[in-house]
C-alpha cells in the first residue's frame, strides 16, 4: 500500500468556485458558472486531501476577472493562475476545463414595497379591534437584481393564526422568504392592535331620493329606515344618525318597478360595520 501511495496518479476533480470581493452594486446571478474541472498529477498521499473534502477555487473579483457588458469573465490564463494558487507543492496542474468562466450579473435594485398581513384572527364573542391592524414597519426595502426585484409588488407576512382573542395584540411576525437572490431590509415586523369590547345598536335614518326627473312628483314609504351597526362600547354614545346617509336613486328604477332599493352611501367612521334593515322603499308617481 505504501508503494502504491508513493506513485504519481493523474485524475480530474470538480472544484467549487468561491467568489470574493464582488462589487457591492453587482449581484452574481444563479445561471453563472460554479464548477471547474481540474486535472491534476500527484502522488497518492496528496490525493487524500482532495478526497476528504470538496476542493474550492477562490475567484477574487477585484483582480481575477474582467467586466464585459453584463458579464464578468475569467479567461484561461487567469483560471490556470487561480488553480495553481490553490495547489500545494508536488501537485502538477495538467489542465483546466472549461477554458473560461462567465459570471452573469445584474445591478442591484432597491425597491420599497408594502407589507401585507396574512392572518386568521378569531375574536372572543363581543370583542374586536377598534381600528385596523398596525404593522411596524408597514413597508420594507427589497434589494436584488433589477430583473427580479422589479416584479415584487408587496411582501407577505407568515400566517398569523390566533383564536379566542380578547386582549391587545403585540407580537413579532416573520416575513415570507423571497427568491434566494433577493434580500429584505428586515426579516420581521411588529403587529399591534387594540382590542375592545364591542356592542350592536340601531338608528333610524331618513331616506333621501336622488335623480328625480323634473316634472315628476312622487310619494314613498317608509321615509325612515333602521340601520344596525357594530361599534366599540367606548364609542357607542358617539355614533349619531347624522353620520349616516341612505339614498334611493330614481335613475336605477326599471320600467314598471314600483319600489326603490335603498343604499347606505355614508356611514359613521366610528362603526366597524353597518347594514340596512329595510330592503325596499315603495313609491307611487303622482299625476
Protein backbone atom coordinates (compact mmCIF):
# COMPACT_ATOMS: atom_id res chain seq x y z
CA UNK A 1 0.00 0.00 0.00
CA UNK A 2 2.86 2.38 0.86
CA UNK A 3 4.35 1.70 -2.60
CA UNK A 4 1.05 2.46 -4.31
CA UNK A 5 0.52 5.68 -2.36
CA UNK A 6 4.02 6.81 -3.33
CA UNK A 7 3.27 6.57 -7.04
CA UNK A 8 2.01 9.51 -9.13
CA UNK A 9 -1.55 9.48 -10.42
CA UNK A 10 -3.46 11.71 -12.79
CA UNK A 11 -7.12 12.45 -12.12
CA UNK A 12 -9.77 15.10 -12.71
CA UNK A 13 -11.64 16.72 -9.83
CA UNK A 14 -14.60 19.14 -9.76
CA UNK A 15 -13.60 22.29 -7.86
CA UNK A 16 -16.35 24.51 -6.47
CA UNK A 17 -15.99 28.25 -7.17
CA UNK A 18 -15.84 30.57 -4.17
CA UNK A 19 -16.49 34.23 -5.09
CA UNK A 20 -14.91 37.02 -3.05
CA UNK A 21 -14.75 40.83 -3.35
CA UNK A 22 -17.76 41.01 -5.67
CA UNK A 23 -18.63 44.73 -6.11
CA UNK A 24 -21.48 45.68 -3.76
CA UNK A 25 -23.57 47.21 -6.53
CA UNK A 26 -23.42 43.99 -8.56
CA UNK A 27 -25.06 40.66 -7.88
CA UNK A 28 -23.97 37.38 -9.50
CA UNK A 29 -26.92 35.50 -10.99
CA UNK A 30 -27.62 31.83 -10.38
CA UNK A 31 -27.06 30.92 -14.03
CA UNK A 32 -23.34 31.70 -13.66
CA UNK A 33 -20.53 29.14 -13.73
CA UNK A 34 -19.90 27.49 -10.37
CA UNK A 35 -17.77 24.41 -11.13
CA UNK A 36 -14.31 23.99 -12.70
CA UNK A 37 -12.89 20.58 -13.65
CA UNK A 38 -9.20 20.50 -12.79
CA UNK A 39 -6.91 17.67 -13.95
CA UNK A 40 -4.02 17.10 -11.52
CA UNK A 41 -1.00 14.86 -11.25
CA UNK A 42 0.45 13.99 -7.86
CA UNK A 43 1.29 11.02 -5.63
CA UNK A 44 -1.27 9.06 -3.69
CA UNK A 45 -0.63 10.70 -0.35
CA UNK A 46 -1.54 14.12 -1.76
CA UNK A 47 -4.80 12.80 -3.22
CA UNK A 48 -6.12 12.17 0.30
CA UNK A 49 -6.55 15.91 0.83
CA UNK A 50 -8.83 16.25 -2.19
CA UNK A 51 -10.91 13.15 -1.44
CA UNK A 52 -11.55 14.09 2.18
CA UNK A 53 -13.23 17.41 1.37
CA UNK A 54 -14.77 19.28 -1.54
CA UNK A 55 -11.93 21.34 -3.09
CA UNK A 56 -12.53 25.00 -3.95
CA UNK A 57 -11.03 27.68 -6.18
CA UNK A 58 -11.26 31.25 -4.92
CA UNK A 59 -12.03 33.84 -7.61
CA UNK A 60 -11.18 37.35 -6.45
CA UNK A 61 -13.40 39.77 -8.39
CA UNK A 62 -11.08 42.67 -7.62
CA UNK A 63 -8.27 41.19 -9.78
CA UNK A 64 -9.13 37.83 -11.39
CA UNK A 65 -11.95 38.87 -13.73
CA UNK A 66 -12.69 41.38 -16.48
CA UNK A 67 -16.09 43.05 -16.98
CA UNK A 68 -17.78 42.94 -20.38
CA UNK A 69 -21.34 44.33 -20.57
CA UNK A 70 -23.32 42.30 -18.03
CA UNK A 71 -20.72 39.52 -17.66
CA UNK A 72 -17.60 39.05 -15.57
CA UNK A 73 -15.09 36.91 -17.49
CA UNK A 74 -12.24 34.85 -16.10
CA UNK A 75 -10.11 33.66 -19.05
CA UNK A 76 -7.91 30.57 -19.33
CA UNK A 77 -4.67 32.19 -18.20
CA UNK A 78 -6.33 33.58 -15.09
CA UNK A 79 -8.05 30.27 -14.43
CA UNK A 80 -4.74 28.41 -14.55
CA UNK A 81 -3.20 31.02 -12.26
CA UNK A 82 -6.10 30.64 -9.79
CA UNK A 83 -5.80 26.85 -9.90
CA UNK A 84 -2.03 26.94 -9.33
CA UNK A 85 -2.59 29.37 -6.48
CA UNK A 86 -4.77 26.79 -4.77
CA UNK A 87 -2.40 23.85 -5.25
CA UNK A 88 0.30 22.77 -2.83
CA UNK A 89 3.84 21.61 -3.59
CA UNK A 90 4.30 18.41 -5.57
CA UNK A 91 0.91 18.82 -7.27
CA UNK A 92 1.12 19.41 -11.03
CA UNK A 93 -1.66 21.15 -12.93
CA UNK A 94 -2.39 19.37 -16.21
CA UNK A 95 -5.41 21.28 -17.50
CA UNK A 96 -8.48 23.28 -16.53
CA UNK A 97 -11.95 22.95 -18.03
CA UNK A 98 -13.80 24.99 -19.18
CA UNK A 99 -11.28 27.34 -20.71
CA UNK A 100 -13.02 30.36 -19.23
CA UNK A 101 -15.66 31.21 -16.68
CA UNK A 102 -18.54 33.60 -17.22
CA UNK A 103 -20.39 35.19 -14.32
CA UNK A 104 -23.63 36.86 -15.39
CA UNK A 105 -24.53 39.77 -13.14
CA UNK A 106 -27.20 42.36 -12.68
CA UNK A 107 -27.25 45.74 -10.98
CA UNK A 108 -28.97 45.70 -7.61
CA UNK A 109 -32.35 47.44 -7.39
CA UNK A 110 -33.61 48.86 -4.09
CA UNK A 111 -37.40 48.93 -4.12
CA UNK A 112 -39.76 49.91 -1.31
CA UNK A 113 -42.90 47.75 -1.15
CA UNK A 114 -45.81 47.44 1.32
CA UNK A 115 -46.07 44.62 3.84
CA UNK A 116 -49.30 42.61 3.57
CA UNK A 117 -50.59 40.88 6.69
CA UNK A 118 -51.70 37.29 6.20
CA UNK A 119 -53.88 36.42 9.17
CA UNK A 120 -56.71 34.32 10.55
CA UNK A 121 -57.58 36.04 13.82
CA UNK A 122 -60.76 34.99 15.63
CA UNK A 123 -62.00 37.15 18.48
CA UNK A 124 -63.95 36.15 21.56
CA UNK A 125 -67.64 36.94 21.03
CA UNK A 126 -68.26 40.62 21.77
CA UNK A 127 -64.65 41.67 21.16
CA UNK A 128 -62.94 43.14 18.11
CA UNK A 129 -60.29 45.66 17.06
CA UNK A 130 -61.32 49.30 17.26
CA UNK A 131 -59.12 50.32 14.33
CA UNK A 132 -57.15 48.48 11.67
CA UNK A 133 -54.14 46.30 12.40
CA UNK A 134 -50.90 48.28 12.63
CA UNK A 135 -47.69 46.97 11.07
CA UNK A 136 -44.34 48.45 12.04
CA UNK A 137 -42.77 48.94 9.61
CA UNK A 138 -45.66 48.82 7.12
CA UNK A 139 -43.27 48.84 4.14
CA UNK A 140 -39.76 47.49 3.61
CA UNK A 141 -36.96 47.57 1.07
CA UNK A 142 -36.40 44.70 -1.35
CA UNK A 143 -32.81 44.56 -2.63
CA UNK A 144 -31.65 42.41 -5.51
CA UNK A 145 -31.19 42.03 -9.26
CA UNK A 146 -33.25 44.57 -11.19
CA UNK A 147 -34.79 41.87 -13.38
CA UNK A 148 -36.15 40.04 -10.31
CA UNK A 149 -36.79 42.80 -7.77
CA UNK A 150 -38.87 44.89 -10.18
CA UNK A 151 -41.55 42.16 -10.20
CA UNK A 152 -42.10 42.33 -6.43
CA UNK A 153 -45.18 44.42 -5.60
CA UNK A 154 -45.53 43.50 -1.90
CA UNK A 155 -44.15 41.19 0.77
CA UNK A 156 -46.44 38.93 2.81
CA UNK A 157 -46.04 38.03 6.45
CA UNK A 158 -46.06 34.46 7.63
CA UNK A 159 -49.59 33.40 8.61
CA UNK A 160 -50.78 34.72 11.99
CA UNK A 161 -53.33 32.30 13.45
CA UNK A 162 -55.00 33.37 16.71
CA UNK A 163 -58.19 32.21 18.43
CA UNK A 164 -60.34 33.50 21.30
CA UNK A 165 -58.64 36.91 21.27
CA UNK A 166 -59.89 39.46 23.82
CA UNK A 167 -56.74 41.39 24.76
CA UNK A 168 -54.50 43.76 22.82
CA UNK A 169 -52.24 42.19 20.18
CA UNK A 170 -48.49 42.87 20.17
CA UNK A 171 -46.19 40.34 18.52
CA UNK A 172 -43.27 39.89 16.17
CA UNK A 173 -44.19 38.36 12.82
CA UNK A 174 -41.71 36.94 10.32
CA UNK A 175 -41.85 37.87 6.65
CA UNK A 176 -42.14 35.25 3.93
CA UNK A 177 -38.90 34.40 2.17
CA UNK A 178 -38.49 35.56 -1.41
CA UNK A 179 -36.17 34.42 -4.19
CA UNK A 180 -32.71 33.50 -2.84
CA UNK A 181 -31.19 36.36 -4.83
CA UNK A 182 -33.35 38.96 -3.05
CA UNK A 183 -32.68 40.50 0.34
CA UNK A 184 -35.11 42.29 2.66
CA UNK A 185 -34.23 45.31 4.77
CA UNK A 186 -35.77 43.47 7.74
CA UNK A 187 -36.82 39.88 8.34
CA UNK A 188 -39.77 40.60 10.64
CA UNK A 189 -42.30 43.27 11.57
CA UNK A 190 -44.32 44.09 14.69
CA UNK A 191 -48.08 43.54 14.60
CA UNK A 192 -50.19 45.55 17.07
CA UNK A 193 -53.91 46.14 17.54
CA UNK A 194 -56.15 47.49 20.29
CA UNK A 195 -58.87 45.01 21.19
CA UNK A 196 -62.05 46.36 22.78
CA UNK A 197 -65.45 45.23 23.93
CA UNK A 198 -67.99 45.69 21.10
CA UNK A 199 -71.74 46.00 21.01
CA UNK A 200 -74.59 46.42 18.49
CA UNK A 201 -77.00 49.31 18.11
CA UNK A 202 -79.74 50.59 15.79
CA UNK A 203 -80.66 54.03 14.48
CA UNK A 204 -83.46 55.48 12.34
CA UNK A 205 -82.06 57.23 9.26
CA UNK A 206 -84.14 59.46 6.90
CA UNK A 207 -84.36 58.33 3.28
CA UNK A 208 -83.24 60.71 0.52
CA UNK A 209 -84.43 60.31 -3.10
CA UNK A 210 -81.95 61.38 -5.79
CA UNK A 211 -82.06 61.94 -9.55
CA UNK A 212 -85.84 62.51 -9.76
CA UNK A 213 -86.59 63.94 -13.23
CA UNK A 214 -88.00 67.44 -13.45
CA UNK A 215 -91.77 67.45 -13.55
CA UNK A 216 -92.21 64.17 -11.67
CA UNK A 217 -93.75 64.17 -8.19
CA UNK A 218 -93.84 61.05 -6.07
CA UNK A 219 -94.62 59.70 -2.63
CA UNK A 220 -92.60 57.00 -0.94
CA UNK A 221 -92.83 54.90 2.19
CA UNK A 222 -91.22 54.47 4.67
CA UNK A 223 -89.46 57.81 4.93
CA UNK A 224 -87.05 56.45 7.54
CA UNK A 225 -85.25 53.11 7.77
CA UNK A 226 -83.47 51.30 10.56
CA UNK A 227 -79.80 50.53 10.32
CA UNK A 228 -77.85 48.17 12.57
CA UNK A 229 -74.26 48.99 13.46
CA UNK A 230 -71.42 47.37 15.36
CA UNK A 231 -69.03 49.53 17.35
CA UNK A 232 -66.85 49.54 20.45
CA UNK A 233 -68.59 50.04 23.77
CA UNK A 234 -66.45 53.14 24.40
CA UNK A 235 -67.68 54.82 21.19
CA UNK A 236 -71.30 53.70 21.28
CA UNK A 237 -72.73 57.01 22.54
CA UNK A 238 -70.75 58.98 19.95
CA UNK A 239 -72.50 57.30 16.99
CA UNK A 240 -75.16 59.68 15.63
CA UNK A 241 -77.82 59.42 12.90
CA UNK A 242 -76.34 62.45 11.09
CA UNK A 243 -73.22 60.40 10.37
CA UNK A 244 -75.22 58.07 8.08
CA UNK A 245 -76.94 58.66 4.76
CA UNK A 246 -79.43 56.43 2.96
CA UNK A 247 -80.23 57.20 -0.68
CA UNK A 248 -82.69 55.82 -3.23
CA UNK A 249 -81.60 56.54 -6.80
CA UNK A 250 -84.54 57.11 -9.16
CA UNK A 251 -82.30 56.61 -12.23
CA UNK A 252 -81.83 52.96 -11.21
CA UNK A 253 -85.56 52.18 -11.31
CA UNK A 254 -86.53 49.88 -14.18
CA UNK A 255 -89.76 50.03 -16.18
CA UNK A 256 -92.89 49.06 -14.20
CA UNK A 257 -90.88 48.92 -10.97
CA UNK A 258 -92.77 50.40 -8.01
CA UNK A 259 -90.07 50.34 -5.37
CA UNK A 260 -86.60 51.69 -4.69
CA UNK A 261 -83.65 49.70 -3.37
CA UNK A 262 -82.11 51.86 -0.62
CA UNK A 263 -78.33 52.22 -0.40
CA UNK A 264 -76.21 53.14 2.61
CA UNK A 265 -73.88 55.63 0.92
CA UNK A 266 -72.35 57.11 4.07
CA UNK A 267 -71.64 55.62 7.46
CA UNK A 268 -70.05 56.79 10.68
CA UNK A 269 -66.29 56.36 10.90
CA UNK A 270 -66.79 55.14 14.47
CA UNK A 271 -68.54 51.89 13.48
CA UNK A 272 -66.93 48.63 12.44
CA UNK A 273 -69.87 47.51 10.29
CA UNK A 274 -73.31 48.84 9.38
CA UNK A 275 -76.21 47.42 7.40
CA UNK A 276 -79.72 48.39 6.29
CA UNK A 277 -82.63 46.52 7.81
CA UNK A 278 -85.02 47.69 5.06
CA UNK A 279 -84.54 46.32 1.54
CA UNK A 280 -87.37 48.10 -0.31
CA UNK A 281 -88.92 51.55 -0.34
CA UNK A 282 -92.34 51.62 -2.02
CA UNK A 283 -93.27 54.64 -4.12
CA UNK A 284 -96.05 55.96 -6.34
CA UNK A 285 -95.88 58.66 -9.03
CA UNK A 286 -98.45 61.41 -8.60
CA UNK A 287 -100.28 62.62 -11.69
